[in-house]
Amino acid sequence: MDDGENGYLVDPSDIAATADRVTQLLEDDQLRQRLGEQGRETVREQFLTPRLVDDFLTLLADVAGADRTG
């Protein structure tokens, strides 16, 4: 996660900082929309099954000594 790019990172014990970020999101429709879109894209690229399968196939190809492209 990139703080301010696809979400916010705050210390969970810092209630004031958390409240500030939530307030920003509630008050700024464009910011909320941008962070939501970029957050979904980050999840799609890094955590969904097709990405994980591709990583796994690349690992298997490396172990087998094969040249896997694409």
N, C-alpha and C. Protein backbone atom coordinates (compact mmCIF):
# COMPACT_ATOMS: atom_id res chain seq x y z
N MET A 1 0.84 -1.17 0.00
CA MET A 1 0.00 0.00 0.00
C MET A 1 0.89 1.24 0.00
N ASP A 2 0.48 2.20 -0.77
CA ASP A 2 1.17 3.49 -0.83
C ASP A 2 0.29 4.53 -0.15
N ASP A 3 0.72 4.99 1.01
CA ASP A 3 -0.06 5.92 1.81
C ASP A 3 -0.47 7.14 0.99
N GLY A 4 -1.77 7.37 0.92
CA GLY A 4 -2.30 8.51 0.19
C GLY A 4 -2.50 8.26 -1.29
N GLU A 5 -2.04 7.13 -1.79
CA GLU A 5 -2.21 6.80 -3.20
C GLU A 5 -3.34 5.81 -3.42
N ASN A 6 -3.39 4.79 -2.59
CA ASN A 6 -4.45 3.78 -2.73
C ASN A 6 -5.10 3.45 -1.39
N GLY A 7 -4.95 4.36 -0.47
CA GLY A 7 -5.51 4.20 0.86
C GLY A 7 -4.67 5.01 1.84
N TYR A 8 -4.93 4.82 3.11
CA TYR A 8 -4.16 5.52 4.13
C TYR A 8 -3.59 4.52 5.12
N LEU A 9 -2.41 4.80 5.58
CA LEU A 9 -1.79 4.04 6.65
C LEU A 9 -1.73 4.92 7.88
N VAL A 10 -2.34 4.48 8.94
CA VAL A 10 -2.28 5.20 10.21
C VAL A 10 -1.98 4.22 11.32
N ASP A 11 -1.34 4.70 12.35
CA ASP A 11 -1.08 3.89 13.53
C ASP A 11 -2.44 3.57 14.17
N PRO A 12 -2.76 2.31 14.36
CA PRO A 12 -4.08 1.96 14.88
C PRO A 12 -4.36 2.54 16.26
N SER A 13 -3.33 2.88 16.98
CA SER A 13 -3.54 3.47 18.31
C SER A 13 -3.69 4.99 18.27
N ASP A 14 -3.48 5.59 17.09
CA ASP A 14 -3.58 7.05 16.94
C ASP A 14 -5.01 7.41 16.51
N ILE A 15 -5.86 7.58 17.48
CA ILE A 15 -7.28 7.83 17.22
C ILE A 15 -7.47 9.15 16.48
N ALA A 16 -6.71 10.16 16.83
CA ALA A 16 -6.85 11.47 16.18
C ALA A 16 -6.50 11.39 14.70
N ALA A 17 -5.41 10.70 14.36
CA ALA A 17 -5.01 10.57 12.95
C ALA A 17 -6.04 9.76 12.17
N THR A 18 -6.56 8.70 12.78
CA THR A 18 -7.59 7.89 12.13
C THR A 18 -8.84 8.71 11.88
N ALA A 19 -9.26 9.47 12.88
CA ALA A 19 -10.44 10.32 12.73
C ALA A 19 -10.22 11.36 11.64
N ASP A 20 -9.01 11.92 11.56
CA ASP A 20 -8.70 12.91 10.53
C ASP A 20 -8.82 12.31 9.13
N ARG A 21 -8.29 11.11 8.95
CA ARG A 21 -8.37 10.46 7.63
C ARG A 21 -9.80 10.12 7.26
N VAL A 22 -10.57 9.63 8.22
CA VAL A 22 -11.97 9.30 7.95
C VAL A 22 -12.73 10.57 7.59
N THR A 23 -12.47 11.64 8.30
CA THR A 23 -13.13 12.92 8.02
C THR A 23 -12.78 13.40 6.61
N GLN A 24 -11.50 13.28 6.23
CA GLN A 24 -11.10 13.66 4.87
C GLN A 24 -11.90 12.88 3.83
N LEU A 25 -12.03 11.59 4.04
CA LEU A 25 -12.74 10.76 3.08
C LEU A 25 -14.23 11.09 3.02
N LEU A 26 -14.81 11.39 4.16
CA LEU A 26 -16.23 11.73 4.19
C LEU A 26 -16.52 13.07 3.52
N GLU A 27 -15.56 13.98 3.58
CA GLU A 27 -15.77 15.33 3.06
C GLU A 27 -15.34 15.52 1.61
N ASP A 28 -14.54 14.61 1.08
CA ASP A 28 -13.95 14.82 -0.25
C ASP A 28 -14.35 13.67 -1.18
N ASP A 29 -15.39 13.89 -1.97
CA ASP A 29 -15.89 12.85 -2.88
C ASP A 29 -14.83 12.41 -3.89
N GLN A 30 -14.09 13.36 -4.46
CA GLN A 30 -13.07 13.02 -5.46
C GLN A 30 -11.94 12.20 -4.86
N LEU A 31 -11.50 12.57 -3.67
CA LEU A 31 -10.45 11.81 -2.99
C LEU A 31 -10.93 10.39 -2.71
N ARG A 32 -12.13 10.28 -2.19
CA ARG A 32 -12.71 8.96 -1.88
C ARG A 32 -12.81 8.10 -3.15
N GLN A 33 -13.25 8.70 -4.24
CA GLN A 33 -13.37 7.98 -5.51
C GLN A 33 -11.99 7.53 -6.01
N ARG A 34 -11.00 8.43 -5.97
CA ARG A 34 -9.66 8.12 -6.46
C ARG A 34 -9.01 7.01 -5.63
N LEU A 35 -9.07 7.14 -4.31
CA LEU A 35 -8.47 6.11 -3.46
C LEU A 35 -9.17 4.77 -3.65
N GLY A 36 -10.48 4.79 -3.80
CA GLY A 36 -11.22 3.54 -4.02
C GLY A 36 -10.81 2.86 -5.31
N GLU A 37 -10.72 3.63 -6.38
CA GLU A 37 -10.32 3.05 -7.67
C GLU A 37 -8.90 2.52 -7.62
N GLN A 38 -8.00 3.29 -7.06
CA GLN A 38 -6.61 2.84 -7.00
C GLN A 38 -6.44 1.66 -6.05
N GLY A 39 -7.22 1.65 -4.96
CA GLY A 39 -7.18 0.51 -4.05
C GLY A 39 -7.66 -0.77 -4.71
N ARG A 40 -8.75 -0.68 -5.46
CA ARG A 40 -9.25 -1.86 -6.18
C ARG A 40 -8.22 -2.35 -7.20
N GLU A 41 -7.58 -1.44 -7.89
CA GLU A 41 -6.57 -1.82 -8.88
C GLU A 41 -5.37 -2.49 -8.21
N THR A 42 -4.96 -1.97 -7.08
CA THR A 42 -3.85 -2.59 -6.34
C THR A 42 -4.19 -4.02 -5.94
N VAL A 43 -5.40 -4.23 -5.44
CA VAL A 43 -5.84 -5.58 -5.06
C VAL A 43 -5.88 -6.48 -6.29
N ARG A 44 -6.43 -5.98 -7.40
CA ARG A 44 -6.52 -6.78 -8.63
C ARG A 44 -5.13 -7.19 -9.10
N GLU A 45 -4.19 -6.27 -9.09
CA GLU A 45 -2.84 -6.55 -9.60
C GLU A 45 -2.02 -7.44 -8.68
N GLN A 46 -2.20 -7.30 -7.38
CA GLN A 46 -1.29 -7.96 -6.46
C GLN A 46 -1.85 -9.15 -5.71
N PHE A 47 -3.16 -9.28 -5.62
CA PHE A 47 -3.69 -10.27 -4.70
C PHE A 47 -4.72 -11.23 -5.28
N LEU A 48 -5.27 -10.99 -6.45
CA LEU A 48 -6.31 -11.86 -6.98
C LEU A 48 -5.73 -13.12 -7.60
N THR A 49 -6.56 -14.13 -7.74
CA THR A 49 -6.13 -15.45 -8.19
C THR A 49 -5.33 -15.45 -9.49
N PRO A 50 -5.74 -14.73 -10.55
CA PRO A 50 -4.93 -14.78 -11.78
C PRO A 50 -3.48 -14.35 -11.56
N ARG A 51 -3.28 -13.34 -10.75
CA ARG A 51 -1.91 -12.91 -10.46
C ARG A 51 -1.15 -13.97 -9.70
N LEU A 52 -1.80 -14.57 -8.71
CA LEU A 52 -1.14 -15.61 -7.91
C LEU A 52 -0.83 -16.84 -8.74
N VAL A 53 -1.75 -17.22 -9.64
CA VAL A 53 -1.51 -18.35 -10.53
C VAL A 53 -0.32 -18.07 -11.44
N ASP A 54 -0.25 -16.87 -11.98
CA ASP A 54 0.87 -16.50 -12.85
C ASP A 54 2.19 -16.58 -12.08
N ASP A 55 2.21 -16.07 -10.86
CA ASP A 55 3.42 -16.16 -10.04
C ASP A 55 3.81 -17.61 -9.79
N PHE A 56 2.82 -18.45 -9.51
CA PHE A 56 3.08 -19.85 -9.24
C PHE A 56 3.64 -20.55 -10.48
N LEU A 57 3.05 -20.28 -11.64
CA LEU A 57 3.54 -20.89 -12.88
C LEU A 57 4.96 -20.43 -13.21
N THR A 58 5.24 -19.17 -12.95
CA THR A 58 6.59 -18.65 -13.16
C THR A 58 7.58 -19.36 -12.24
N LEU A 59 7.20 -19.57 -11.00
CA LEU A 59 8.05 -20.28 -10.05
C LEU A 59 8.30 -21.71 -10.52
N LEU A 60 7.24 -22.40 -10.95
CA LEU A 60 7.41 -23.77 -11.43
C LEU A 60 8.32 -23.82 -12.66
N ALA A 61 8.16 -22.86 -13.55
CA ALA A 61 9.01 -22.82 -14.74
C ALA A 61 10.46 -22.58 -14.35
N ASP A 62 10.68 -21.70 -13.39
CA ASP A 62 12.05 -21.44 -12.94
C ASP A 62 12.67 -22.68 -12.33
N VAL A 63 11.90 -23.39 -11.51
CA VAL A 63 12.40 -24.61 -10.88
C VAL A 63 12.70 -25.67 -11.93
N ALA A 64 11.87 -25.74 -12.96
CA ALA A 64 12.06 -26.73 -14.02
C ALA A 64 13.11 -26.31 -15.02
N GLY A 65 13.57 -25.06 -14.93
CA GLY A 65 14.59 -24.58 -15.85
C GLY A 65 14.02 -24.16 -17.20
N ALA A 66 12.72 -23.97 -17.28
CA ALA A 66 12.08 -23.58 -18.53
C ALA A 66 12.09 -22.08 -18.67
N ASP A 67 12.00 -21.61 -19.91
CA ASP A 67 11.89 -20.19 -20.17
C ASP A 67 10.43 -19.87 -20.40
N ARG A 68 9.80 -19.22 -19.44
CA ARG A 68 8.37 -18.87 -19.53
C ARG A 68 8.25 -17.38 -19.73
N THR A 69 7.63 -16.99 -20.84
CA THR A 69 7.40 -15.56 -21.09
C THR A 69 5.91 -15.32 -21.18
N GLY A 70 5.49 -14.13 -20.67
CA GLY A 70 4.07 -13.75 -20.76
C GLY A 70 3.31 -14.39 -19.70
